[in-house]
Amino acid sequence: MSENNKVGHFARLAPAIKNSLAGLAAAYKHEIAFRQEVFLFIVLTPVAIMISTSFIEFVLLIFSIIFIMVTELLNSAVEAVVDRVGLERHELSGRAKDIASAAVFVAILFFIMVWGYKVFSMI
């Protein structure tokens, strides 16, 4: 049994939170796209509060922004791992980065769909 499995669930909570906060700080420090998405979240959250007509609608509007942030974090993680393995061009490295980038693109399309529907339904 590994040392990690001997530690209780609550004892692992504090280190897990610490690592997660370190990851958020690293993403904010090193990834301009993540900083832009945080700004988008800060600006659009009050807008979502004002324009949503139900809690579910508010959640969908906010989730569409958070979904971009989550995929950006995963994209940044993939890019960091690929770059750590080697900076030379390799087909699989390029494919991994492209697929991670495509995930962010899909999240952005979802955001546009959700916010676009809301904005056009208000007109």
N, C-alpha and C. Protein backbone atom coordinates (compact mmCIF):
# COMPACT_ATOMS: atom_id res chain seq x y z
N MET A 1 0.85 -1.17 0.00
CA MET A 1 0.00 0.00 0.00
C MET A 1 0.89 1.24 0.00
N SER A 2 0.61 2.15 -0.92
CA SER A 2 1.44 3.36 -1.00
C SER A 2 1.16 4.28 0.19
N GLU A 3 2.09 5.18 0.41
CA GLU A 3 1.98 6.13 1.52
C GLU A 3 0.74 7.00 1.37
N ASN A 4 0.39 7.38 0.12
CA ASN A 4 -0.79 8.22 -0.10
C ASN A 4 -2.08 7.53 0.30
N ASN A 5 -2.15 6.21 0.16
CA ASN A 5 -3.37 5.48 0.51
C ASN A 5 -3.55 5.34 2.02
N LYS A 6 -2.51 5.55 2.80
CA LYS A 6 -2.61 5.46 4.25
C LYS A 6 -3.15 6.76 4.86
N VAL A 7 -3.10 7.82 4.12
CA VAL A 7 -3.58 9.12 4.61
C VAL A 7 -5.08 9.18 4.43
N GLY A 8 -5.78 9.71 5.42
CA GLY A 8 -7.23 9.81 5.35
C GLY A 8 -7.69 10.80 4.29
N HIS A 9 -8.96 10.71 3.96
CA HIS A 9 -9.53 11.57 2.93
C HIS A 9 -9.39 13.05 3.29
N PHE A 10 -9.66 13.40 4.52
CA PHE A 10 -9.59 14.80 4.91
C PHE A 10 -8.15 15.30 4.98
N ALA A 11 -7.21 14.42 5.31
CA ALA A 11 -5.81 14.82 5.35
C ALA A 11 -5.29 15.13 3.95
N ARG A 12 -5.86 14.52 2.94
CA ARG A 12 -5.44 14.80 1.55
C ARG A 12 -6.10 16.05 0.99
N LEU A 13 -7.13 16.54 1.64
CA LEU A 13 -7.87 17.68 1.13
C LEU A 13 -7.02 18.95 1.08
N ALA A 14 -6.32 19.25 2.15
CA ALA A 14 -5.51 20.48 2.20
C ALA A 14 -4.41 20.48 1.14
N PRO A 15 -3.63 19.40 0.99
CA PRO A 15 -2.61 19.40 -0.08
C PRO A 15 -3.23 19.48 -1.48
N ALA A 16 -4.39 18.86 -1.66
CA ALA A 16 -5.05 18.90 -2.97
C ALA A 16 -5.49 20.32 -3.29
N ILE A 17 -6.05 21.01 -2.31
CA ILE A 17 -6.47 22.40 -2.51
C ILE A 17 -5.25 23.28 -2.79
N LYS A 18 -4.17 23.06 -2.03
CA LYS A 18 -2.93 23.82 -2.23
C LYS A 18 -2.40 23.62 -3.65
N ASN A 19 -2.39 22.39 -4.14
CA ASN A 19 -1.91 22.11 -5.50
C ASN A 19 -2.82 22.74 -6.55
N SER A 20 -4.12 22.69 -6.31
CA SER A 20 -5.06 23.29 -7.25
C SER A 20 -4.89 24.80 -7.33
N LEU A 21 -4.72 25.44 -6.19
CA LEU A 21 -4.50 26.89 -6.18
C LEU A 21 -3.18 27.25 -6.84
N ALA A 22 -2.16 26.41 -6.65
CA ALA A 22 -0.87 26.64 -7.32
C ALA A 22 -1.03 26.51 -8.84
N GLY A 23 -1.86 25.57 -9.27
CA GLY A 23 -2.12 25.41 -10.70
C GLY A 23 -2.85 26.61 -11.28
N LEU A 24 -3.85 27.10 -10.55
CA LEU A 24 -4.57 28.30 -11.01
C LEU A 24 -3.63 29.50 -11.08
N ALA A 25 -2.78 29.65 -10.08
CA ALA A 25 -1.83 30.77 -10.07
C ALA A 25 -0.84 30.65 -11.23
N ALA A 26 -0.37 29.44 -11.50
CA ALA A 26 0.57 29.23 -12.61
C ALA A 26 -0.11 29.54 -13.94
N ALA A 27 -1.34 29.10 -14.10
CA ALA A 27 -2.07 29.38 -15.35
C ALA A 27 -2.27 30.88 -15.51
N TYR A 28 -2.64 31.55 -14.44
CA TYR A 28 -2.85 33.00 -14.51
C TYR A 28 -1.55 33.73 -14.84
N LYS A 29 -0.46 33.28 -14.25
CA LYS A 29 0.84 33.93 -14.46
C LYS A 29 1.39 33.69 -15.86
N HIS A 30 1.24 32.48 -16.38
CA HIS A 30 1.94 32.10 -17.61
C HIS A 30 1.06 32.04 -18.86
N GLU A 31 -0.25 32.07 -18.71
CA GLU A 31 -1.14 31.89 -19.87
C GLU A 31 -2.03 33.12 -20.06
N ILE A 32 -1.73 33.89 -21.09
CA ILE A 32 -2.51 35.11 -21.36
C ILE A 32 -3.97 34.78 -21.66
N ALA A 33 -4.20 33.66 -22.36
CA ALA A 33 -5.58 33.29 -22.69
C ALA A 33 -6.38 33.04 -21.41
N PHE A 34 -5.76 32.42 -20.41
CA PHE A 34 -6.46 32.18 -19.15
C PHE A 34 -6.77 33.49 -18.45
N ARG A 35 -5.83 34.44 -18.48
CA ARG A 35 -6.10 35.75 -17.88
C ARG A 35 -7.25 36.45 -18.58
N GLN A 36 -7.32 36.33 -19.89
CA GLN A 36 -8.43 36.92 -20.64
C GLN A 36 -9.75 36.27 -20.25
N GLU A 37 -9.74 34.97 -20.03
CA GLU A 37 -10.97 34.27 -19.66
C GLU A 37 -11.40 34.62 -18.25
N VAL A 38 -10.46 34.83 -17.35
CA VAL A 38 -10.80 35.30 -15.99
C VAL A 38 -11.44 36.68 -16.08
N PHE A 39 -10.88 37.55 -16.91
CA PHE A 39 -11.45 38.88 -17.12
C PHE A 39 -12.87 38.76 -17.67
N LEU A 40 -13.06 37.89 -18.66
CA LEU A 40 -14.39 37.65 -19.23
C LEU A 40 -15.37 37.20 -18.14
N PHE A 41 -14.93 36.31 -17.28
CA PHE A 41 -15.76 35.82 -16.18
C PHE A 41 -16.15 36.96 -15.23
N ILE A 42 -15.17 37.79 -14.89
CA ILE A 42 -15.42 38.90 -13.96
C ILE A 42 -16.40 39.91 -14.57
N VAL A 43 -16.23 40.21 -15.84
CA VAL A 43 -17.08 41.20 -16.51
C VAL A 43 -18.49 40.65 -16.77
N LEU A 44 -18.57 39.39 -17.21
CA LEU A 44 -19.87 38.87 -17.62
C LEU A 44 -20.72 38.28 -16.49
N THR A 45 -20.13 38.00 -15.35
CA THR A 45 -20.94 37.48 -14.24
C THR A 45 -22.03 38.48 -13.82
N PRO A 46 -21.70 39.76 -13.61
CA PRO A 46 -22.79 40.70 -13.28
C PRO A 46 -23.81 40.85 -14.41
N VAL A 47 -23.33 40.77 -15.65
CA VAL A 47 -24.25 40.85 -16.79
C VAL A 47 -25.20 39.66 -16.76
N ALA A 48 -24.66 38.47 -16.48
CA ALA A 48 -25.49 37.26 -16.41
C ALA A 48 -26.53 37.39 -15.30
N ILE A 49 -26.14 37.96 -14.19
CA ILE A 49 -27.09 38.17 -13.09
C ILE A 49 -28.23 39.08 -13.54
N MET A 50 -27.89 40.13 -14.28
CA MET A 50 -28.91 41.10 -14.71
C MET A 50 -29.82 40.57 -15.81
N ILE A 51 -29.31 39.78 -16.72
CA ILE A 51 -30.12 39.39 -17.88
C ILE A 51 -30.79 38.03 -17.74
N SER A 52 -30.37 37.23 -16.79
CA SER A 52 -30.98 35.91 -16.66
C SER A 52 -32.35 36.01 -16.01
N THR A 53 -33.27 35.19 -16.50
CA THR A 53 -34.64 35.22 -15.99
C THR A 53 -34.92 34.06 -15.04
N SER A 54 -33.94 33.18 -14.89
CA SER A 54 -34.09 32.06 -13.95
C SER A 54 -32.70 31.63 -13.48
N PHE A 55 -32.69 30.85 -12.42
CA PHE A 55 -31.41 30.34 -11.92
C PHE A 55 -30.75 29.43 -12.95
N ILE A 56 -31.53 28.61 -13.62
CA ILE A 56 -30.99 27.69 -14.63
C ILE A 56 -30.35 28.48 -15.77
N GLU A 57 -31.00 29.54 -16.19
CA GLU A 57 -30.44 30.37 -17.26
C GLU A 57 -29.13 31.01 -16.80
N PHE A 58 -29.09 31.50 -15.56
CA PHE A 58 -27.87 32.07 -15.01
C PHE A 58 -26.75 31.02 -14.99
N VAL A 59 -27.08 29.82 -14.54
CA VAL A 59 -26.07 28.75 -14.48
C VAL A 59 -25.53 28.43 -15.87
N LEU A 60 -26.40 28.37 -16.86
CA LEU A 60 -25.94 28.09 -18.23
C LEU A 60 -25.02 29.20 -18.75
N LEU A 61 -25.37 30.44 -18.49
CA LEU A 61 -24.53 31.55 -18.93
C LEU A 61 -23.15 31.49 -18.27
N ILE A 62 -23.13 31.26 -16.97
CA ILE A 62 -21.86 31.20 -16.24
C ILE A 62 -21.08 29.93 -16.60
N PHE A 63 -21.79 28.81 -16.72
CA PHE A 63 -21.12 27.56 -17.07
C PHE A 63 -20.41 27.67 -18.41
N SER A 64 -20.99 28.39 -19.35
CA SER A 64 -20.36 28.51 -20.66
C SER A 64 -19.01 29.23 -20.56
N ILE A 65 -18.86 30.13 -19.62
CA ILE A 65 -17.58 30.80 -19.40
C ILE A 65 -16.62 29.88 -18.66
N ILE A 66 -17.12 29.23 -17.60
CA ILE A 66 -16.27 28.33 -16.82
C ILE A 66 -15.78 27.17 -17.68
N PHE A 67 -16.62 26.70 -18.60
CA PHE A 67 -16.24 25.63 -19.51
C PHE A 67 -15.03 26.03 -20.36
N ILE A 68 -14.99 27.27 -20.81
CA ILE A 68 -13.82 27.76 -21.55
C ILE A 68 -12.59 27.73 -20.64
N MET A 69 -12.75 28.19 -19.40
CA MET A 69 -11.62 28.24 -18.48
C MET A 69 -11.08 26.84 -18.18
N VAL A 70 -11.97 25.89 -17.98
CA VAL A 70 -11.56 24.51 -17.70
C VAL A 70 -10.80 23.92 -18.89
N THR A 71 -11.35 24.11 -20.08
CA THR A 71 -10.66 23.56 -21.26
C THR A 71 -9.33 24.27 -21.50
N GLU A 72 -9.26 25.55 -21.19
CA GLU A 72 -7.98 26.28 -21.31
C GLU A 72 -6.95 25.72 -20.34
N LEU A 73 -7.37 25.41 -19.12
CA LEU A 73 -6.46 24.81 -18.14
C LEU A 73 -5.94 23.46 -18.65
N LEU A 74 -6.83 22.63 -19.19
CA LEU A 74 -6.41 21.34 -19.73
C LEU A 74 -5.51 21.52 -20.95
N ASN A 75 -5.84 22.47 -21.81
CA ASN A 75 -5.01 22.76 -22.97
C ASN A 75 -3.60 23.19 -22.53
N SER A 76 -3.53 24.05 -21.55
CA SER A 76 -2.23 24.52 -21.05
C SER A 76 -1.44 23.37 -20.44
N ALA A 77 -2.12 22.47 -19.75
CA ALA A 77 -1.44 21.32 -19.16
C ALA A 77 -0.87 20.41 -20.25
N VAL A 78 -1.66 20.15 -21.29
CA VAL A 78 -1.17 19.32 -22.41
C VAL A 78 0.04 19.98 -23.06
N GLU A 79 -0.05 21.27 -23.32
CA GLU A 79 1.07 21.98 -23.94
C GLU A 79 2.32 21.93 -23.07
N ALA A 80 2.17 22.08 -21.76
CA ALA A 80 3.32 22.04 -20.85
C ALA A 80 3.98 20.66 -20.86
N VAL A 81 3.16 19.62 -20.84
CA VAL A 81 3.71 18.26 -20.84
C VAL A 81 4.42 17.97 -22.16
N VAL A 82 3.79 18.33 -23.26
CA VAL A 82 4.40 18.09 -24.58
C VAL A 82 5.72 18.86 -24.69
N ASP A 83 5.74 20.11 -24.26
CA ASP A 83 6.97 20.90 -24.32
C ASP A 83 8.03 20.34 -23.38
N ARG A 84 7.61 19.78 -22.27
CA ARG A 84 8.57 19.18 -21.32
C ARG A 84 9.23 17.96 -21.92
N VAL A 85 8.47 17.18 -22.68
CA VAL A 85 9.01 15.97 -23.29
C VAL A 85 10.06 16.33 -24.34
N GLY A 86 9.81 17.38 -25.10
CA GLY A 86 10.78 17.79 -26.11
C GLY A 86 10.22 18.89 -26.98
N LEU A 87 11.08 19.79 -27.40
CA LEU A 87 10.64 20.92 -28.21
C LEU A 87 10.74 20.65 -29.71
N GLU A 88 11.35 19.51 -30.07
CA GLU A 88 11.43 19.20 -31.50
C GLU A 88 10.05 18.84 -32.03
N ARG A 89 9.87 19.07 -33.32
CA ARG A 89 8.59 18.79 -33.94
C ARG A 89 8.37 17.29 -34.04
N HIS A 90 7.19 16.86 -33.62
CA HIS A 90 6.80 15.46 -33.74
C HIS A 90 5.31 15.42 -34.06
N GLU A 91 4.94 14.51 -34.94
CA GLU A 91 3.55 14.43 -35.37
C GLU A 91 2.58 14.25 -34.19
N LEU A 92 2.92 13.37 -33.27
CA LEU A 92 2.01 13.12 -32.14
C LEU A 92 1.95 14.31 -31.18
N SER A 93 3.08 14.99 -31.00
CA SER A 93 3.08 16.18 -30.15
C SER A 93 2.19 17.27 -30.76
N GLY A 94 2.33 17.46 -32.06
CA GLY A 94 1.49 18.43 -32.75
C GLY A 94 0.03 18.07 -32.68
N ARG A 95 -0.26 16.78 -32.85
CA ARG A 95 -1.65 16.32 -32.78
C ARG A 95 -2.23 16.56 -31.40
N ALA A 96 -1.47 16.25 -30.35
CA ALA A 96 -1.95 16.46 -28.98
C ALA A 96 -2.26 17.93 -28.73
N LYS A 97 -1.36 18.80 -29.16
CA LYS A 97 -1.58 20.24 -28.97
C LYS A 97 -2.78 20.72 -29.78
N ASP A 98 -2.92 20.24 -31.01
CA ASP A 98 -4.04 20.64 -31.86
C ASP A 98 -5.37 20.18 -31.28
N ILE A 99 -5.42 18.97 -30.76
CA ILE A 99 -6.66 18.45 -30.19
C ILE A 99 -7.03 19.22 -28.92
N ALA A 100 -6.04 19.53 -28.09
CA ALA A 100 -6.32 20.32 -26.89
C ALA A 100 -6.81 21.72 -27.27
N SER A 101 -6.22 22.29 -28.29
CA SER A 101 -6.66 23.59 -28.78
C SER A 101 -8.08 23.51 -29.35
N ALA A 102 -8.39 22.42 -30.01
CA ALA A 102 -9.74 22.22 -30.55
C ALA A 102 -10.77 22.15 -29.42
N ALA A 103 -10.38 21.59 -28.29
CA ALA A 103 -11.30 21.54 -27.14
C ALA A 103 -11.66 22.95 -26.68
N VAL A 104 -10.67 23.83 -26.65
CA VAL A 104 -10.93 25.23 -26.28
C VAL A 104 -11.86 25.87 -27.32
N PHE A 105 -11.61 25.59 -28.59
CA PHE A 105 -12.44 26.13 -29.67
C PHE A 105 -13.89 25.69 -29.52
N VAL A 106 -14.11 24.41 -29.21
CA VAL A 106 -15.47 23.90 -29.01
C VAL A 106 -16.13 24.60 -27.82
N ALA A 107 -15.38 24.81 -26.75
CA ALA A 107 -15.91 25.51 -25.58
C ALA A 107 -16.31 26.95 -25.94
N ILE A 108 -15.49 27.60 -26.77
CA ILE A 108 -15.82 28.96 -27.20
C ILE A 108 -17.08 28.96 -28.06
N LEU A 109 -17.22 27.98 -28.94
CA LEU A 109 -18.44 27.86 -29.74
C LEU A 109 -19.67 27.68 -28.86
N PHE A 110 -19.53 26.88 -27.80
CA PHE A 110 -20.63 26.68 -26.85
C PHE A 110 -20.99 28.01 -26.18
N PHE A 111 -19.97 28.75 -25.76
CA PHE A 111 -20.18 30.07 -25.15
C PHE A 111 -20.94 30.99 -26.11
N ILE A 112 -20.50 31.04 -27.36
CA ILE A 112 -21.16 31.89 -28.36
C ILE A 112 -22.60 31.47 -28.56
N MET A 113 -22.84 30.17 -28.59
CA MET A 113 -24.21 29.67 -28.78
C MET A 113 -25.10 30.08 -27.60
N VAL A 114 -24.63 29.88 -26.38
CA VAL A 114 -25.44 30.18 -25.19
C VAL A 114 -25.68 31.68 -25.06
N TRP A 115 -24.63 32.47 -25.10
CA TRP A 115 -24.78 33.92 -24.95
C TRP A 115 -25.46 34.53 -26.16
N GLY A 116 -25.16 34.02 -27.34
CA GLY A 116 -25.81 34.52 -28.55
C GLY A 116 -27.31 34.30 -28.52
N TYR A 117 -27.72 33.12 -28.09
CA TYR A 117 -29.16 32.84 -27.99
C TYR A 117 -29.82 33.80 -27.00
N LYS A 118 -29.17 34.01 -25.86
CA LYS A 118 -29.75 34.89 -24.85
C LYS A 118 -29.85 36.32 -25.36
N VAL A 119 -28.78 36.82 -25.96
CA VAL A 119 -28.77 38.20 -26.44
C VAL A 119 -29.82 38.39 -27.54
N PHE A 120 -29.88 37.48 -28.49
CA PHE A 120 -30.84 37.63 -29.59
C PHE A 120 -32.28 37.40 -29.14
N SER A 121 -32.46 36.63 -28.08
CA SER A 121 -33.84 36.43 -27.58
C SER A 121 -34.34 37.67 -26.84
N MET A 122 -33.43 38.54 -26.45
CA MET A 122 -33.82 39.77 -25.76
C MET A 122 -34.20 40.89 -26.73
N ILE A 123 -33.83 40.72 -27.99
CA ILE A 123 -34.07 41.77 -28.99
C ILE A 123 -35.49 41.72 -29.49
